[in-house]
Every structure is written in structure tokens, then in C-alpha cells.
Amino acid sequence: MLRWRLVEWAAACTDVAELLAAGEQQTLEFFVGRLKEVSGPTVDHQELLYNASVLAHYARVSTHSAVDLMTPATLAEVFDHFVFDTSLRDDSAMMEAAGAQCLLLAGFFEDQLRRRHNIRWYSHLGVGFFSRAADLERSPEKVRLLAAIAAGFEPWRQRYARLSRDLRERSFLLIRPPR
């Protein structure tokens, strides 16, 4: 359901033909453009690209994926998978995924989840996941990026929430292409 809404909002800015043919590149470009709108001109370009890729990735991955790490439907699933089960805490990629899932759900879906979850607590948890991923990462460039995302987690979470609200509030008209 959450994934479909993300795809639905992304697709609303295109016509139906583009919706059906939207690939990874188009989805990424959509989120790069929309995040620029809500971030302002001073935002770090690498962080912007990273965050757009997070949104694009989860817009394209099902909550029931058998191939990729599935998109969690709620923050409780993030807790169960990454906090309650401690077997993944020494895996940089999994800690990064946990941080990205906290960012997605606590940010983009904040309005839907805030009544059932403590968004501030999950934001703090997301910072910890990204920090842990940076500590475990070997690539110096990736360490810098993950540390920057951890340090700027709350502003990015707020941007995700603002983007979600902006997309919901816009009036879209999908016009059927002529046959």
C-alpha cells in the first residue's frame, strides 16, 4: 500500500504512457527534481542524489519482494528486523538499509505513521543505523556520505515529509493519451 502510494505520486506528474514505462532512471530523475524543490540551493549534491535514490528504490520495490530487501509497510517491521534481531548489526549494507527504511517511513510516510509510532525515536534510530553503517564501511567516500546522512538525518527526514505533503496537495490531471 505504501509503495503503491509512492509510485502513484511519482507517476502523477507524468502521463499514463510514461507511468507504464517509467524505469529506474525516470523514477530517479523524478525524485531528484522534487527533492531539489523542497531542499533549496545549498543542499549537498551527493546527499541529494543519495536520498533521491532511496526514494526511487523504494518506489520500485514491493513490500513482498522475493528478490530484493522488501519495503517495510510499517516502522514496527523495521524494529523487528533490525533492532529486535541483532544478527545484522555488523553488516554495513544492512545497517544502511535500516537507516534508509527509517528515513523513508519516518519521513515520507510521517503523516500516516505518526499516530502509531514515535517518529522522533525512529529518527534517532535511523541516525544510529547510518552511523553504524559508516563505522563498518570500507570505502572512504561511502563512509563520508553515510556519516553526512547520519548527521543530517533529521533535516532529510523533514524534507521527505515536506515532499510527501507537496505531492499530496498538488492537483494532478492525468490525461489519457490519444490512440
Protein backbone atom coordinates (compact mmCIF):
# COMPACT_ATOMS: atom_id res chain seq x y z
CA MET A 1 0.00 0.00 0.00
CA LEU A 2 2.72 2.49 0.97
CA ARG A 3 4.82 1.53 -2.06
CA TRP A 4 1.84 1.99 -4.37
CA ARG A 5 1.21 5.48 -3.00
CA LEU A 6 4.85 6.41 -3.57
CA VAL A 7 4.66 5.14 -7.16
CA GLU A 8 1.26 6.78 -7.62
CA TRP A 9 2.60 10.18 -6.54
CA ALA A 10 5.68 9.86 -8.71
CA ALA A 11 3.60 8.83 -11.67
CA ALA A 12 1.05 11.61 -11.22
CA CYS A 13 3.49 14.06 -12.76
CA THR A 14 3.62 12.11 -15.99
CA ASP A 15 1.03 10.94 -18.43
CA VAL A 16 -0.31 7.41 -18.40
CA ALA A 17 2.06 6.19 -21.12
CA GLU A 18 5.05 7.41 -19.11
CA LEU A 19 3.61 5.83 -15.97
CA LEU A 20 3.57 2.43 -17.57
CA ALA A 21 7.06 2.83 -18.99
CA ALA A 22 8.75 4.54 -16.03
CA GLY A 23 12.09 2.90 -15.46
CA GLU A 24 14.75 3.30 -12.84
CA GLN A 25 16.26 6.38 -14.49
CA GLN A 26 12.93 8.21 -14.85
CA THR A 27 11.99 7.42 -11.26
CA LEU A 28 15.35 8.67 -10.01
CA GLU A 29 15.08 11.86 -12.10
CA PHE A 30 11.59 12.47 -10.73
CA PHE A 31 12.82 12.32 -7.12
CA VAL A 32 15.97 14.33 -7.82
CA GLY A 33 13.83 17.14 -9.21
CA ARG A 34 11.24 17.04 -6.44
CA LEU A 35 13.84 16.85 -3.65
CA LYS A 36 15.62 19.87 -5.16
CA GLU A 37 12.36 21.78 -4.94
CA VAL A 38 11.94 21.11 -1.21
CA SER A 39 15.65 21.28 -0.30
CA GLY A 40 16.82 24.62 -1.60
CA PRO A 41 20.00 25.54 -3.44
CA THR A 42 22.52 24.93 -0.64
CA VAL A 43 21.87 21.20 -0.21
CA ASP A 44 24.85 18.90 -0.85
CA HIS A 45 24.53 17.36 -4.33
CA GLN A 46 25.81 13.90 -3.28
CA GLU A 47 23.37 13.77 -0.38
CA LEU A 48 20.56 14.88 -2.70
CA LEU A 49 21.37 12.10 -5.19
CA TYR A 50 21.63 9.54 -2.41
CA ASN A 51 18.26 10.50 -0.95
CA ALA A 52 16.59 10.59 -4.36
CA SER A 53 17.96 7.10 -4.98
CA VAL A 54 16.47 5.91 -1.68
CA LEU A 55 13.03 7.20 -2.68
CA ALA A 56 13.36 5.85 -6.22
CA HIS A 57 14.47 2.45 -4.96
CA TYR A 58 11.59 2.04 -2.54
CA ALA A 59 9.11 3.33 -5.11
CA ARG A 60 10.08 0.37 -7.27
CA VAL A 61 10.47 -2.41 -4.65
CA SER A 62 7.44 -4.28 -3.38
CA THR A 63 6.52 -4.85 0.24
CA HIS A 64 6.57 -8.54 -0.72
CA SER A 65 9.75 -8.72 -2.79
CA ALA A 66 11.39 -12.12 -3.15
CA VAL A 67 14.43 -10.72 -4.97
CA ASP A 68 15.36 -7.54 -3.12
CA LEU A 69 15.15 -6.42 0.50
CA MET A 70 11.44 -5.69 0.69
CA THR A 71 9.99 -2.31 1.51
CA PRO A 72 8.65 -2.39 5.07
CA ALA A 73 5.00 -1.46 5.48
CA THR A 74 5.44 -0.01 8.97
CA LEU A 75 8.14 1.14 11.36
CA ALA A 76 7.33 -1.89 13.53
CA GLU A 77 8.73 -4.08 10.76
CA VAL A 78 11.96 -2.06 10.82
CA PHE A 79 12.13 -2.56 14.58
CA ASP A 80 11.54 -6.31 14.32
CA HIS A 81 14.03 -6.79 11.50
CA PHE A 82 16.89 -4.54 12.62
CA VAL A 83 16.54 -3.84 16.36
CA PHE A 84 14.93 -6.91 17.86
CA ASP A 85 17.05 -9.20 15.66
CA THR A 86 20.65 -8.19 16.39
CA SER A 87 22.25 -10.59 13.88
CA LEU A 88 22.57 -7.85 11.23
CA ARG A 89 24.27 -5.16 13.31
CA ASP A 90 27.74 -5.96 11.91
CA ASP A 91 26.67 -5.74 8.27
CA SER A 92 27.23 -2.27 6.79
CA ALA A 93 24.81 -2.76 3.89
CA MET A 94 22.03 -3.94 6.20
CA MET A 95 22.59 -1.05 8.63
CA GLU A 96 22.42 1.34 5.68
CA ALA A 97 19.18 -0.31 4.53
CA ALA A 98 17.77 0.02 8.05
CA GLY A 99 18.65 3.73 8.11
CA ALA A 100 17.12 4.24 4.68
CA GLN A 101 13.93 2.49 5.77
CA CYS A 102 13.69 4.70 8.85
CA LEU A 103 14.20 7.74 6.63
CA LEU A 104 11.54 6.62 4.17
CA LEU A 105 8.89 5.67 6.68
CA ALA A 106 9.51 8.32 9.35
CA GLY A 107 9.89 10.96 6.64
CA PHE A 108 7.84 10.33 3.53
CA PHE A 109 5.09 8.49 5.44
CA GLU A 110 5.29 10.54 8.65
CA ASP A 111 1.71 11.80 8.45
CA GLN A 112 0.33 8.27 8.06
CA LEU A 113 2.51 6.70 10.77
CA ARG A 114 2.88 9.34 13.47
CA ARG A 115 -0.27 8.31 15.34
CA ARG A 116 1.06 4.75 15.81
CA HIS A 117 4.80 5.37 16.09
CA ASN A 118 7.15 7.75 17.86
CA ILE A 119 8.71 9.46 14.83
CA ARG A 120 11.38 11.19 16.91
CA TRP A 121 12.52 7.85 18.34
CA TYR A 122 12.71 6.26 14.88
CA SER A 123 14.59 9.29 13.62
CA HIS A 124 17.15 8.76 16.38
CA LEU A 125 17.27 5.08 15.46
CA GLY A 126 17.88 5.98 11.80
CA VAL A 127 20.82 8.19 12.79
CA GLY A 128 22.27 5.25 14.69
CA PHE A 129 21.82 2.89 11.74
CA PHE A 130 23.59 5.25 9.33
CA SER A 131 26.36 5.91 11.85
CA ARG A 132 26.86 2.17 12.35
CA ALA A 133 26.90 1.63 8.58
CA ALA A 134 29.57 4.34 8.24
CA ASP A 135 31.65 2.74 11.01
CA LEU A 136 31.55 -0.62 9.24
CA GLU A 137 32.07 0.68 5.68
CA ARG A 138 35.47 0.32 3.99
CA SER A 139 35.19 2.84 1.17
CA PRO A 140 36.28 6.31 2.38
CA GLU A 141 33.84 8.06 0.02
CA LYS A 142 30.93 5.94 1.24
CA VAL A 143 31.97 6.49 4.87
CA ARG A 144 31.80 10.26 4.32
CA LEU A 145 28.40 10.01 2.63
CA LEU A 146 26.86 7.74 5.27
CA ALA A 147 28.26 9.93 8.08
CA ALA A 148 26.80 13.02 6.36
CA ILE A 149 23.40 11.34 6.02
CA ALA A 150 23.55 10.37 9.71
CA ALA A 151 24.47 13.94 10.71
CA GLY A 152 21.73 15.41 8.53
CA PHE A 153 19.13 12.71 9.14
CA GLU A 154 16.51 14.94 10.72
CA PRO A 155 16.65 17.67 8.05
CA TRP A 156 16.42 14.97 5.34
CA ARG A 157 13.53 13.31 7.16
CA GLN A 158 11.74 16.65 7.25
CA ARG A 159 12.40 17.13 3.51
CA TYR A 160 10.90 13.71 2.80
CA ALA A 161 7.81 14.69 4.84
CA ARG A 162 7.55 18.04 3.04
CA LEU A 163 7.89 16.32 -0.35
CA SER A 164 5.16 13.85 0.56
CA ARG A 165 2.81 16.67 1.59
CA ASP A 166 3.63 18.69 -1.53
CA LEU A 167 2.87 15.73 -3.77
CA ARG A 168 -0.42 15.02 -1.98
CA GLU A 169 -1.54 18.65 -2.14
CA ARG A 170 -0.86 19.17 -5.82
CA SER A 171 -3.78 18.82 -8.16
CA PHE A 172 -2.93 16.43 -10.93
CA LEU A 173 -4.82 15.69 -14.07
CA LEU A 174 -3.88 12.51 -15.83
CA ILE A 175 -4.87 12.77 -19.45
CA ARG A 176 -5.30 9.60 -21.42
CA PRO A 177 -3.00 9.67 -24.45
CA PRO A 178 -4.75 9.57 -27.84
CA ARG A 179 -4.86 6.17 -29.51
